[in-house]
Amino acid sequence: MLSTDSGFGLEPGQAADALYETIDLLSAETALKVAYLNYERMIELQPPTDTQIAKIKELASNLGETQTYRLNKRMANELIFELEQKVKKMK
C-alpha cells in the first residue's frame, strides 16, 4: 500500500503525484495490489466487532432467528442493515 500526508518540503499535490508516479513504475499486477487490492483484503480479514455481534444477536432475537453466522466486519455490517429492515417490516 502507499499513502501520504505529504512529505518534508512537498505540497500535497506533489506528494499525490509522487504516489501515481510510483504506481506507474510497478507491474500491472503489483499496481492493482498497491492501488486497492491489498486494502480490500485487509478489510475482508477483519472480524466483526463486539458491538456488531451484540447488535446482530439483538436483532436476530427480535426476529426469533437462531442461526449461526460466519462473518467478517463488512458482512456483519451488511447483515445488521438487513436485519434492521426485517425488524421494521414486523412493526
N, C-alpha and C. Protein backbone atom coordinates (compact mmCIF):
# COMPACT_ATOMS: atom_id res chain seq x y z
N MET A 1 0.85 -1.17 0.00
CA MET A 1 0.00 0.00 0.00
C MET A 1 0.89 1.24 0.00
N LEU A 2 0.35 2.28 -0.50
CA LEU A 2 1.01 3.58 -0.49
C LEU A 2 0.08 4.59 0.14
N SER A 3 0.66 5.55 0.81
CA SER A 3 -0.14 6.65 1.33
C SER A 3 0.78 7.82 1.58
N THR A 4 0.18 8.96 1.81
CA THR A 4 0.98 10.13 2.15
C THR A 4 0.11 11.13 2.89
N ASP A 5 0.73 11.82 3.78
CA ASP A 5 0.11 13.01 4.35
C ASP A 5 1.06 14.15 4.04
N SER A 6 1.54 14.10 2.80
CA SER A 6 2.52 14.99 2.22
C SER A 6 3.91 14.53 2.65
N GLY A 7 4.86 15.33 2.52
CA GLY A 7 6.22 14.98 2.88
C GLY A 7 7.01 16.23 3.15
N PHE A 8 8.19 16.08 3.68
CA PHE A 8 9.00 17.24 4.01
C PHE A 8 9.28 18.05 2.75
N GLY A 9 8.83 19.27 2.74
CA GLY A 9 9.08 20.16 1.62
C GLY A 9 8.18 19.92 0.41
N LEU A 10 7.21 19.05 0.54
CA LEU A 10 6.30 18.77 -0.58
C LEU A 10 4.92 19.33 -0.30
N GLU A 11 4.33 19.86 -1.33
CA GLU A 11 2.93 20.27 -1.25
C GLU A 11 2.08 19.00 -1.39
N PRO A 12 0.85 19.00 -0.88
CA PRO A 12 0.01 17.81 -1.01
C PRO A 12 -0.14 17.32 -2.46
N GLY A 13 -0.27 18.22 -3.41
CA GLY A 13 -0.38 17.83 -4.82
C GLY A 13 0.87 17.13 -5.31
N GLN A 14 2.03 17.60 -4.88
CA GLN A 14 3.28 16.97 -5.28
C GLN A 14 3.39 15.56 -4.70
N ALA A 15 2.96 15.41 -3.45
CA ALA A 15 3.01 14.10 -2.80
C ALA A 15 2.08 13.12 -3.52
N ALA A 16 0.89 13.57 -3.89
CA ALA A 16 -0.05 12.71 -4.62
C ALA A 16 0.53 12.33 -5.97
N ASP A 17 1.13 13.28 -6.67
CA ASP A 17 1.74 12.99 -7.96
C ASP A 17 2.84 11.93 -7.81
N ALA A 18 3.62 12.02 -6.73
CA ALA A 18 4.68 11.04 -6.48
C ALA A 18 4.10 9.64 -6.29
N LEU A 19 2.94 9.54 -5.65
CA LEU A 19 2.29 8.24 -5.49
C LEU A 19 1.95 7.64 -6.85
N TYR A 20 1.35 8.44 -7.71
CA TYR A 20 0.97 7.95 -9.03
C TYR A 20 2.20 7.60 -9.87
N GLU A 21 3.25 8.39 -9.75
CA GLU A 21 4.48 8.08 -10.48
C GLU A 21 5.07 6.76 -10.01
N THR A 22 4.99 6.50 -8.71
CA THR A 22 5.49 5.24 -8.16
C THR A 22 4.65 4.07 -8.69
N ILE A 23 3.34 4.21 -8.68
CA ILE A 23 2.46 3.15 -9.18
C ILE A 23 2.75 2.87 -10.66
N ASP A 24 3.03 3.91 -11.43
CA ASP A 24 3.33 3.74 -12.85
C ASP A 24 4.58 2.90 -13.08
N LEU A 25 5.47 2.84 -12.10
CA LEU A 25 6.71 2.06 -12.23
C LEU A 25 6.51 0.57 -11.93
N LEU A 26 5.37 0.22 -11.39
CA LEU A 26 5.10 -1.16 -10.99
C LEU A 26 4.49 -1.98 -12.12
N SER A 27 4.60 -3.31 -12.00
CA SER A 27 3.91 -4.17 -12.96
C SER A 27 2.41 -3.96 -12.76
N ALA A 28 1.63 -4.34 -13.77
CA ALA A 28 0.17 -4.16 -13.67
C ALA A 28 -0.39 -4.90 -12.47
N GLU A 29 0.08 -6.14 -12.25
CA GLU A 29 -0.42 -6.94 -11.12
C GLU A 29 -0.09 -6.28 -9.77
N THR A 30 1.13 -5.83 -9.62
CA THR A 30 1.54 -5.20 -8.37
C THR A 30 0.84 -3.86 -8.19
N ALA A 31 0.67 -3.12 -9.28
CA ALA A 31 -0.01 -1.82 -9.20
C ALA A 31 -1.44 -1.99 -8.68
N LEU A 32 -2.15 -3.01 -9.14
CA LEU A 32 -3.51 -3.26 -8.65
C LEU A 32 -3.51 -3.59 -7.17
N LYS A 33 -2.55 -4.39 -6.75
CA LYS A 33 -2.46 -4.73 -5.32
C LYS A 33 -2.20 -3.48 -4.49
N VAL A 34 -1.26 -2.68 -4.92
CA VAL A 34 -0.91 -1.47 -4.17
C VAL A 34 -2.04 -0.46 -4.21
N ALA A 35 -2.69 -0.34 -5.35
CA ALA A 35 -3.74 0.67 -5.51
C ALA A 35 -4.96 0.37 -4.65
N TYR A 36 -5.38 -0.91 -4.58
CA TYR A 36 -6.57 -1.19 -3.77
C TYR A 36 -6.74 -2.63 -3.32
N LEU A 37 -6.20 -3.61 -3.99
CA LEU A 37 -6.48 -5.00 -3.63
C LEU A 37 -5.96 -5.37 -2.24
N ASN A 38 -4.79 -4.90 -1.86
CA ASN A 38 -4.26 -5.21 -0.53
C ASN A 38 -5.16 -4.61 0.55
N TYR A 39 -5.65 -3.40 0.32
CA TYR A 39 -6.53 -2.75 1.29
C TYR A 39 -7.84 -3.52 1.41
N GLU A 40 -8.41 -3.91 0.27
CA GLU A 40 -9.66 -4.68 0.30
C GLU A 40 -9.47 -5.98 1.08
N ARG A 41 -8.33 -6.63 0.86
CA ARG A 41 -8.06 -7.89 1.57
C ARG A 41 -7.99 -7.66 3.07
N MET A 42 -7.32 -6.58 3.48
CA MET A 42 -7.23 -6.28 4.91
C MET A 42 -8.62 -6.06 5.51
N ILE A 43 -9.48 -5.37 4.80
CA ILE A 43 -10.83 -5.11 5.27
C ILE A 43 -11.59 -6.43 5.40
N GLU A 44 -11.47 -7.29 4.41
CA GLU A 44 -12.19 -8.56 4.42
C GLU A 44 -11.71 -9.50 5.52
N LEU A 45 -10.49 -9.34 6.00
CA LEU A 45 -9.95 -10.21 7.04
C LEU A 45 -10.33 -9.76 8.46
N GLN A 46 -10.90 -8.57 8.58
CA GLN A 46 -11.24 -8.07 9.92
C GLN A 46 -12.47 -8.80 10.46
N PRO A 47 -12.37 -9.30 11.70
CA PRO A 47 -13.53 -9.95 12.31
C PRO A 47 -14.55 -8.91 12.74
N PRO A 48 -15.80 -9.32 12.93
CA PRO A 48 -16.80 -8.37 13.40
C PRO A 48 -16.45 -7.85 14.79
N THR A 49 -16.88 -6.65 15.08
CA THR A 49 -16.63 -6.07 16.39
C THR A 49 -17.60 -6.65 17.41
N ASP A 50 -17.28 -6.51 18.67
CA ASP A 50 -18.19 -6.96 19.73
C ASP A 50 -19.53 -6.23 19.63
N THR A 51 -19.48 -4.96 19.27
CA THR A 51 -20.70 -4.18 19.11
C THR A 51 -21.56 -4.74 17.99
N GLN A 52 -20.94 -5.09 16.87
CA GLN A 52 -21.69 -5.68 15.76
C GLN A 52 -22.31 -7.01 16.17
N ILE A 53 -21.54 -7.85 16.84
CA ILE A 53 -22.04 -9.15 17.27
C ILE A 53 -23.24 -8.98 18.20
N ALA A 54 -23.13 -8.06 19.15
CA ALA A 54 -24.24 -7.82 20.09
C ALA A 54 -25.48 -7.34 19.34
N LYS A 55 -25.29 -6.46 18.37
CA LYS A 55 -26.44 -5.93 17.60
C LYS A 55 -27.09 -7.03 16.78
N ILE A 56 -26.29 -7.89 16.17
CA ILE A 56 -26.84 -8.99 15.39
C ILE A 56 -27.64 -9.94 16.29
N LYS A 57 -27.09 -10.24 17.45
CA LYS A 57 -27.81 -11.11 18.40
C LYS A 57 -29.13 -10.49 18.82
N GLU A 58 -29.11 -9.20 19.09
CA GLU A 58 -30.32 -8.49 19.50
C GLU A 58 -31.38 -8.53 18.40
N LEU A 59 -30.97 -8.18 17.18
CA LEU A 59 -31.92 -8.15 16.07
C LEU A 59 -32.42 -9.54 15.73
N ALA A 60 -31.53 -10.52 15.71
CA ALA A 60 -31.93 -11.89 15.40
C ALA A 60 -32.91 -12.40 16.45
N SER A 61 -32.67 -12.06 17.71
CA SER A 61 -33.57 -12.46 18.79
C SER A 61 -34.95 -11.86 18.59
N ASN A 62 -34.99 -10.59 18.20
CA ASN A 62 -36.27 -9.92 17.94
C ASN A 62 -37.05 -10.60 16.81
N LEU A 63 -36.31 -11.23 15.90
CA LEU A 63 -36.94 -11.90 14.76
C LEU A 63 -37.18 -13.38 15.03
N GLY A 64 -36.72 -13.86 16.18
CA GLY A 64 -36.86 -15.28 16.51
C GLY A 64 -35.90 -16.16 15.73
N GLU A 65 -34.84 -15.57 15.20
CA GLU A 65 -33.84 -16.33 14.44
C GLU A 65 -32.77 -16.85 15.38
N THR A 66 -32.30 -18.06 15.12
CA THR A 66 -31.28 -18.66 15.99
C THR A 66 -30.09 -19.20 15.21
N GLN A 67 -29.96 -18.81 13.96
CA GLN A 67 -28.87 -19.35 13.16
C GLN A 67 -27.52 -18.78 13.58
N THR A 68 -26.46 -19.49 13.21
CA THR A 68 -25.09 -19.07 13.48
C THR A 68 -24.52 -18.47 12.20
N TYR A 69 -23.75 -17.40 12.35
CA TYR A 69 -23.18 -16.71 11.20
C TYR A 69 -21.65 -16.80 11.24
N ARG A 70 -21.06 -16.89 10.06
CA ARG A 70 -19.60 -16.75 9.92
C ARG A 70 -19.39 -15.50 9.08
N LEU A 71 -18.98 -14.42 9.75
CA LEU A 71 -18.95 -13.11 9.12
C LEU A 71 -17.62 -12.41 9.33
N ASN A 72 -17.29 -11.54 8.40
CA ASN A 72 -16.22 -10.58 8.64
C ASN A 72 -16.89 -9.25 9.00
N LYS A 73 -16.10 -8.24 9.23
CA LYS A 73 -16.64 -6.96 9.68
C LYS A 73 -17.59 -6.34 8.66
N ARG A 74 -17.24 -6.39 7.39
CA ARG A 74 -18.10 -5.83 6.35
C ARG A 74 -19.41 -6.60 6.26
N MET A 75 -19.32 -7.93 6.27
CA MET A 75 -20.51 -8.76 6.17
C MET A 75 -21.43 -8.55 7.37
N ALA A 76 -20.84 -8.37 8.55
CA ALA A 76 -21.64 -8.12 9.75
C ALA A 76 -22.43 -6.83 9.59
N ASN A 77 -21.80 -5.82 9.06
CA ASN A 77 -22.47 -4.54 8.85
C ASN A 77 -23.63 -4.69 7.88
N GLU A 78 -23.42 -5.42 6.80
CA GLU A 78 -24.49 -5.65 5.83
C GLU A 78 -25.64 -6.44 6.47
N LEU A 79 -25.30 -7.43 7.29
CA LEU A 79 -26.34 -8.23 7.95
C LEU A 79 -27.15 -7.37 8.92
N ILE A 80 -26.49 -6.48 9.62
CA ILE A 80 -27.20 -5.58 10.55
C ILE A 80 -28.25 -4.77 9.79
N PHE A 81 -27.87 -4.20 8.65
CA PHE A 81 -28.83 -3.43 7.85
C PHE A 81 -29.99 -4.31 7.41
N GLU A 82 -29.68 -5.53 6.97
CA GLU A 82 -30.72 -6.45 6.52
C GLU A 82 -31.67 -6.81 7.66
N LEU A 83 -31.13 -7.13 8.83
CA LEU A 83 -31.96 -7.50 9.98
C LEU A 83 -32.79 -6.32 10.46
N GLU A 84 -32.21 -5.13 10.43
CA GLU A 84 -32.96 -3.94 10.84
C GLU A 84 -34.16 -3.73 9.93
N GLN A 85 -34.00 -3.97 8.65
CA GLN A 85 -35.11 -3.82 7.70
C GLN A 85 -36.21 -4.84 8.01
N LYS A 86 -35.82 -6.06 8.34
CA LYS A 86 -36.80 -7.10 8.68
C LYS A 86 -37.57 -6.73 9.95
N VAL A 87 -36.83 -6.20 10.94
CA VAL A 87 -37.49 -5.80 12.19
C VAL A 87 -38.48 -4.67 11.92
N LYS A 88 -38.12 -3.70 11.08
CA LYS A 88 -39.03 -2.59 10.74
C LYS A 88 -40.29 -3.10 10.07
N LYS A 89 -40.15 -4.09 9.20
CA LYS A 89 -41.31 -4.64 8.49
C LYS A 89 -42.25 -5.37 9.45
N MET A 90 -41.70 -5.92 10.53
CA MET A 90 -42.53 -6.62 11.51
C MET A 90 -43.41 -5.67 12.31
N LYS A 91 -42.97 -4.45 12.46
CA LYS A 91 -43.69 -3.49 13.31
C LYS A 91 -44.83 -2.84 12.60
